[in-house]
PDB file of all heavy atoms in Angstrom:
ATOM      1  N   THR A   1      93.757  99.827  94.984  1.00  0.00           N
ATOM      2  CA  THR A   1      93.999  98.453  94.936  1.00  0.00           C
ATOM      3  C   THR A   1      95.465  98.019  94.873  1.00  0.00           C
ATOM      4  O   THR A   1      95.848  97.159  95.660  1.00  0.00           O
ATOM      5  CB  THR A   1      93.135  97.763  93.814  1.00  0.00           C
ATOM      6  OG1 THR A   1      91.804  98.217  93.936  1.00  0.00           O
ATOM      7  CG2 THR A   1      93.176  96.244  93.893  1.00  0.00           C
ATOM      8  N   PRO A   2      96.271  98.545  93.984  1.00  0.00           N
ATOM      9  CA  PRO A   2      97.689  98.099  93.939  1.00  0.00           C
ATOM     10  C   PRO A   2      98.408  98.343  95.245  1.00  0.00           C
ATOM     11  O   PRO A   2      99.200  97.496  95.666  1.00  0.00           O
ATOM     12  CB  PRO A   2      98.310  98.923  92.781  1.00  0.00           C
ATOM     13  CG  PRO A   2      97.202  99.550  92.097  1.00  0.00           C
ATOM     14  CD  PRO A   2      96.003  99.540  92.953  1.00  0.00           C
ATOM     15  N   GLY A   3      98.183  99.437  95.891  1.00  0.00           N
ATOM     16  CA  GLY A   3      98.827  99.744  97.164  1.00  0.00           C
ATOM     17  C   GLY A   3      98.369  98.733  98.279  1.00  0.00           C
ATOM     18  O   GLY A   3      99.206  98.308  99.067  1.00  0.00           O
ATOM     19  N   LEU A   4      97.094  98.398  98.230  1.00  0.00           N
ATOM     20  CA  LEU A   4      96.625  97.376  99.183  1.00  0.00           C
ATOM     21  C   LEU A   4      97.234  96.037  98.931  1.00  0.00           C
ATOM     22  O   LEU A   4      97.618  95.321  99.866  1.00  0.00           O
ATOM     23  CB  LEU A   4      95.088  97.290  99.109  1.00  0.00           C
ATOM     24  CG  LEU A   4      94.292  98.498  99.569  1.00  0.00           C
ATOM     25  CD1 LEU A   4      92.788  98.346  99.280  1.00  0.00           C
ATOM     26  CD2 LEU A   4      94.500  98.698 101.081  1.00  0.00           C
ATOM     27  N   ILE A   5      97.334  95.656  97.649  1.00  0.00           N
ATOM     28  CA  ILE A   5      97.977  94.387  97.292  1.00  0.00           C
ATOM     29  C   ILE A   5      99.408  94.385  97.767  1.00  0.00           C
ATOM     30  O   ILE A   5      99.873  93.365  98.388  1.00  0.00           O
ATOM     31  CB  ILE A   5      97.925  94.157  95.751  1.00  0.00           C
ATOM     32  CG1 ILE A   5      96.485  93.885  95.285  1.00  0.00           C
ATOM     33  CG2 ILE A   5      98.854  93.011  95.325  1.00  0.00           C
ATOM     34  CD1 ILE A   5      96.296  93.923  93.793  1.00  0.00           C
ATOM     35  N   ALA A   6     100.147  95.443  97.603  1.00  0.00           N
ATOM     36  CA  ALA A   6     101.526  95.544  98.055  1.00  0.00           C
ATOM     37  C   ALA A   6     101.573  95.355  99.617  1.00  0.00           C
ATOM     38  O   ALA A   6     102.426  94.591 100.086  1.00  0.00           O
ATOM     39  CB  ALA A   6     102.129  96.872  97.678  1.00  0.00           C
ATOM     40  N   GLY A   7     100.673  96.013 100.260  1.00  0.00           N
ATOM     41  CA  GLY A   7     100.647  95.893 101.767  1.00  0.00           C
ATOM     42  C   GLY A   7     100.334  94.466 102.236  1.00  0.00           C
ATOM     43  O   GLY A   7     101.026  93.951 103.116  1.00  0.00           O
ATOM     44  N   ILE A   8      99.390  93.846 101.545  1.00  0.00           N
ATOM     45  CA  ILE A   8      99.025  92.458 101.906  1.00  0.00           C
ATOM     46  C   ILE A   8     100.205  91.497 101.626  1.00  0.00           C
ATOM     47  O   ILE A   8     100.492  90.600 102.418  1.00  0.00           O
ATOM     48  CB  ILE A   8      97.775  92.047 101.159  1.00  0.00           C
ATOM     49  CG1 ILE A   8      96.540  92.859 101.633  1.00  0.00           C
ATOM     50  CG2 ILE A   8      97.520  90.524 101.291  1.00  0.00           C
ATOM     51  CD1 ILE A   8      95.346  92.735 100.722  1.00  0.00           C
ATOM     52  N   LEU A   9     100.895  91.757 100.537  1.00  0.00           N
ATOM     53  CA  LEU A   9     102.006  90.825 100.161  1.00  0.00           C
ATOM     54  C   LEU A   9     103.334  91.211 100.910  1.00  0.00           C
ATOM     55  O   LEU A   9     104.245  90.449 100.913  1.00  0.00           O
ATOM     56  CB  LEU A   9     102.282  90.902  98.632  1.00  0.00           C
ATOM     57  CG  LEU A   9     101.151  90.370  97.732  1.00  0.00           C
ATOM     58  CD1 LEU A   9     101.529  90.634  96.248  1.00  0.00           C
ATOM     59  CD2 LEU A   9     100.940  88.879  97.987  1.00  0.00           C
ATOM     60  N   GLY A  10     103.341  92.387 101.502  1.00  0.00           N
ATOM     61  CA  GLY A  10     104.569  92.849 102.173  1.00  0.00           C
ATOM     62  C   GLY A  10     105.658  93.278 101.180  1.00  0.00           C
ATOM     63  O   GLY A  10     106.844  93.225 101.521  1.00  0.00           O
ATOM     64  N   HIS A  11     105.228  93.738 100.019  1.00  0.00           N
ATOM     65  CA  HIS A  11     106.171  94.181  98.981  1.00  0.00           C
ATOM     66  C   HIS A  11     106.247  95.757  99.020  1.00  0.00           C
ATOM     67  O   HIS A  11     105.254  96.453  99.316  1.00  0.00           O
ATOM     68  CB  HIS A  11     105.703  93.813  97.632  1.00  0.00           C
ATOM     69  CG  HIS A  11     105.694  92.313  97.381  1.00  0.00           C
ATOM     70  ND1 HIS A  11     106.342  91.387  98.199  1.00  0.00           N
ATOM     71  CD2 HIS A  11     105.098  91.607  96.381  1.00  0.00           C
ATOM     72  CE1 HIS A  11     106.093  90.160  97.664  1.00  0.00           C
ATOM     73  NE2 HIS A  11     105.392  90.247  96.633  1.00  0.00           N
ATOM     74  N   PRO A  12     107.411  96.327  98.665  1.00  0.00           N
ATOM     75  CA  PRO A  12     107.466  97.760  98.451  1.00  0.00           C
ATOM     76  C   PRO A  12     106.557  98.209  97.271  1.00  0.00           C
ATOM     77  O   PRO A  12     106.290  97.374  96.366  1.00  0.00           O
ATOM     78  CB  PRO A  12     108.944  98.027  98.134  1.00  0.00           C
ATOM     79  CG  PRO A  12     109.539  96.730  97.779  1.00  0.00           C
ATOM     80  CD  PRO A  12     108.685  95.659  98.353  1.00  0.00           C
ATOM     81  N   TYR A  13     106.131  99.472  97.311  1.00  0.00           N
ATOM     82  CA  TYR A  13     105.151  99.952  96.355  1.00  0.00           C
ATOM     83  C   TYR A  13     105.533 101.341  95.891  1.00  0.00           C
ATOM     84  O   TYR A  13     105.921 102.144  96.694  1.00  0.00           O
ATOM     85  CB  TYR A  13     103.766  99.943  96.962  1.00  0.00           C
ATOM     86  CG  TYR A  13     102.695 100.612  96.196  1.00  0.00           C
ATOM     87  CD1 TYR A  13     102.258 100.095  94.976  1.00  0.00           C
ATOM     88  CD2 TYR A  13     102.099 101.813  96.636  1.00  0.00           C
ATOM     89  CE1 TYR A  13     101.293 100.721  94.224  1.00  0.00           C
ATOM     90  CE2 TYR A  13     101.110 102.466  95.904  1.00  0.00           C
ATOM     91  CZ  TYR A  13     100.688 101.906  94.733  1.00  0.00           C
ATOM     92  OH  TYR A  13      99.753 102.524  93.972  1.00  0.00           O
ATOM     93  N   ALA A  14     105.322 101.618  94.602  1.00  0.00           N
ATOM     94  CA  ALA A  14     105.456 102.925  94.041  1.00  0.00           C
ATOM     95  C   ALA A  14     104.291 103.206  93.079  1.00  0.00           C
ATOM     96  O   ALA A  14     103.905 102.296  92.332  1.00  0.00           O
ATOM     97  CB  ALA A  14     106.796 103.078  93.334  1.00  0.00           C
ATOM     98  N   SER A  15     103.752 104.410  93.160  1.00  0.00           N
ATOM     99  CA  SER A  15     102.665 104.790  92.314  1.00  0.00           C
ATOM    100  C   SER A  15     103.060 105.846  91.298  1.00  0.00           C
ATOM    101  O   SER A  15     104.098 106.494  91.462  1.00  0.00           O
ATOM    102  CB  SER A  15     101.464 105.265  93.119  1.00  0.00           C
ATOM    103  OG  SER A  15     101.845 106.435  93.827  1.00  0.00           O
ATOM    104  N   VAL A  16     102.187 106.084  90.309  1.00  0.00           N
ATOM    105  CA  VAL A  16     102.446 107.038  89.272  1.00  0.00           C
ATOM    106  C   VAL A  16     103.821 106.880  88.674  1.00  0.00           C
ATOM    107  O   VAL A  16     104.589 107.848  88.547  1.00  0.00           O
ATOM    108  CB  VAL A  16     102.177 108.505  89.779  1.00  0.00           C
ATOM    109  CG1 VAL A  16     102.021 109.430  88.562  1.00  0.00           C
ATOM    110  CG2 VAL A  16     100.937 108.576  90.654  1.00  0.00           C
ATOM    111  N   VAL A  17     104.130 105.695  88.271  1.00  0.00           N
ATOM    112  CA  VAL A  17     105.421 105.290  87.732  1.00  0.00           C
ATOM    113  C   VAL A  17     105.437 105.585  86.202  1.00  0.00           C
ATOM    114  O   VAL A  17     104.547 105.196  85.486  1.00  0.00           O
ATOM    115  CB  VAL A  17     105.733 103.812  88.014  1.00  0.00           C
ATOM    116  CG1 VAL A  17     106.994 103.367  87.277  1.00  0.00           C
ATOM    117  CG2 VAL A  17     105.893 103.559  89.493  1.00  0.00           C
ATOM    118  N   THR A  18     106.439 106.302  85.786  1.00  0.00           N
ATOM    119  CA  THR A  18     106.534 106.649  84.348  1.00  0.00           C
ATOM    120  C   THR A  18     107.711 105.894  83.639  1.00  0.00           C
ATOM    121  O   THR A  18     107.690 105.873  82.440  1.00  0.00           O
ATOM    122  CB  THR A  18     106.775 108.174  84.186  1.00  0.00           C
ATOM    123  OG1 THR A  18     107.982 108.608  84.919  1.00  0.00           O
ATOM    124  CG2 THR A  18     105.599 108.951  84.722  1.00  0.00           C
ATOM    125  N   LYS A  19     108.625 105.335  84.396  1.00  0.00           N
ATOM    126  CA  LYS A  19     109.775 104.623  83.812  1.00  0.00           C
ATOM    127  C   LYS A  19     110.306 103.635  84.834  1.00  0.00           C
ATOM    128  O   LYS A  19     110.389 103.919  86.037  1.00  0.00           O
ATOM    129  CB  LYS A  19     110.831 105.626  83.449  1.00  0.00           C
ATOM    130  CG  LYS A  19     112.011 105.011  82.647  1.00  0.00           C
ATOM    131  CD  LYS A  19     112.992 106.077  82.199  1.00  0.00           C
ATOM    132  CE  LYS A  19     114.125 105.481  81.390  1.00  0.00           C
ATOM    133  NZ  LYS A  19     115.067 106.534  81.027  1.00  0.00           N
ATOM    134  N   VAL A  20     110.608 102.392  84.280  1.00  0.00           N
ATOM    135  CA  VAL A  20     111.162 101.352  85.130  1.00  0.00           C
ATOM    136  C   VAL A  20     112.445 100.827  84.502  1.00  0.00           C
ATOM    137  O   VAL A  20     112.513 100.548  83.334  1.00  0.00           O
ATOM    138  CB  VAL A  20     110.169 100.226  85.268  1.00  0.00           C
ATOM    139  CG1 VAL A  20     110.690  99.111  86.209  1.00  0.00           C
ATOM    140  CG2 VAL A  20     108.808 100.673  85.787  1.00  0.00           C
ATOM    141  N   ARG A  21     113.530 100.751  85.359  1.00  0.00           N
ATOM    142  CA  ARG A  21     114.800 100.174  84.914  1.00  0.00           C
ATOM    143  C   ARG A  21     115.213  99.166  85.962  1.00  0.00           C
ATOM    144  O   ARG A  21     115.064  99.329  87.125  1.00  0.00           O
ATOM    145  CB  ARG A  21     115.862 101.271  84.715  1.00  0.00           C
ATOM    146  CG  ARG A  21     115.554 102.288  83.652  1.00  0.00           C
ATOM    147  CD  ARG A  21     116.647 103.305  83.525  1.00  0.00           C
ATOM    148  NE  ARG A  21     117.131 103.990  84.739  1.00  0.00           N
ATOM    149  CZ  ARG A  21     116.511 104.943  85.382  1.00  0.00           C
ATOM    150  NH1 ARG A  21     115.353 105.368  84.992  1.00  0.00           N
ATOM    151  NH2 ARG A  21     117.081 105.470  86.492  1.00  0.00           N
ATOM    152  N   LEU A  22     115.830  98.133  85.465  1.00  0.00           N
ATOM    153  CA  LEU A  22     116.360  97.079  86.316  1.00  0.00           C
ATOM    154  C   LEU A  22     117.903  97.141  86.207  1.00  0.00           C
ATOM    155  O   LEU A  22     118.427  96.995  85.070  1.00  0.00           O
ATOM    156  CB  LEU A  22     115.840  95.712  85.948  1.00  0.00           C
ATOM    157  CG  LEU A  22     116.283  94.525  86.779  1.00  0.00           C
ATOM    158  CD1 LEU A  22     115.680  94.656  88.189  1.00  0.00           C
ATOM    159  CD2 LEU A  22     115.842  93.231  86.170  1.00  0.00           C
ATOM    160  N   GLU A  23     118.582  97.373  87.310  1.00  0.00           N
ATOM    161  CA  GLU A  23     120.015  97.437  87.368  1.00  0.00           C
ATOM    162  C   GLU A  23     120.562  96.644  88.548  1.00  0.00           C
ATOM    163  O   GLU A  23     120.241  96.958  89.692  1.00  0.00           O
ATOM    164  CB  GLU A  23     120.470  98.886  87.412  1.00  0.00           C
ATOM    165  CG  GLU A  23     120.120  99.685  86.161  1.00  0.00           C
ATOM    166  CD  GLU A  23     120.618 101.074  86.209  1.00  0.00           C
ATOM    167  OE1 GLU A  23     121.420 101.440  87.145  1.00  0.00           O
ATOM    168  OE2 GLU A  23     120.274 101.885  85.307  1.00  0.00           O
ATOM    169  N   GLU A  24     121.346  95.661  88.322  1.00  0.00           N
ATOM    170  CA  GLU A  24     122.001  94.821  89.307  1.00  0.00           C
ATOM    171  C   GLU A  24     120.972  94.285  90.339  1.00  0.00           C
ATOM    172  O   GLU A  24     121.243  94.350  91.547  1.00  0.00           O
ATOM    173  CB  GLU A  24     123.083  95.610  89.994  1.00  0.00           C
ATOM    174  CG  GLU A  24     124.190  96.072  89.048  1.00  0.00           C
ATOM    175  CD  GLU A  24     125.217  96.973  89.696  1.00  0.00           C
ATOM    176  OE1 GLU A  24     125.280  97.032  90.920  1.00  0.00           O
ATOM    177  OE2 GLU A  24     125.929  97.668  88.948  1.00  0.00           O
ATOM    178  N   GLY A  25     119.800  93.846  89.839  1.00  0.00           N
ATOM    179  CA  GLY A  25     118.833  93.248  90.717  1.00  0.00           C
ATOM    180  C   GLY A  25     117.957  94.214  91.500  1.00  0.00           C
ATOM    181  O   GLY A  25     117.132  93.791  92.260  1.00  0.00           O
ATOM    182  N   LEU A  26     118.174  95.545  91.273  1.00  0.00           N
ATOM    183  CA  LEU A  26     117.332  96.530  91.890  1.00  0.00           C
ATOM    184  C   LEU A  26     116.531  97.291  90.840  1.00  0.00           C
ATOM    185  O   LEU A  26     116.936  97.450  89.676  1.00  0.00           O
ATOM    186  CB  LEU A  26     118.195  97.552  92.600  1.00  0.00           C
ATOM    187  CG  LEU A  26     118.926  97.075  93.865  1.00  0.00           C
ATOM    188  CD1 LEU A  26     119.897  98.141  94.357  1.00  0.00           C
ATOM    189  CD2 LEU A  26     117.974  96.637  94.979  1.00  0.00           C
ATOM    190  N   LEU A  27     115.369  97.756  91.240  1.00  0.00           N
ATOM    191  CA  LEU A  27     114.550  98.583  90.353  1.00  0.00           C
ATOM    192  C   LEU A  27     114.914 100.039  90.573  1.00  0.00           C
ATOM    193  O   LEU A  27     115.002 100.486  91.704  1.00  0.00           O
ATOM    194  CB  LEU A  27     113.038  98.448  90.679  1.00  0.00           C
ATOM    195  CG  LEU A  27     112.324  97.172  90.243  1.00  0.00           C
ATOM    196  CD1 LEU A  27     110.923  97.170  90.749  1.00  0.00           C
ATOM    197  CD2 LEU A  27     112.336  97.026  88.745  1.00  0.00           C
ATOM    198  N   LEU A  28     115.045 100.758  89.480  1.00  0.00           N
ATOM    199  CA  LEU A  28     115.087 102.241  89.534  1.00  0.00           C
ATOM    200  C   LEU A  28     113.806 102.729  88.882  1.00  0.00           C
ATOM    201  O   LEU A  28     113.560 102.441  87.705  1.00  0.00           O
ATOM    202  CB  LEU A  28     116.338 102.763  88.803  1.00  0.00           C
ATOM    203  CG  LEU A  28     117.659 102.396  89.395  1.00  0.00           C
ATOM    204  CD1 LEU A  28     118.803 102.882  88.545  1.00  0.00           C
ATOM    205  CD2 LEU A  28     117.741 102.978  90.795  1.00  0.00           C
TER     206      LEU A  28
END
């Protein structure tokens, strides 16, 4: 479902994420 949502919305997608950082407007 999340990958399908990303595709429908036209957003980039990543799965099995263990850590999220926001730096200068970009996600790492």
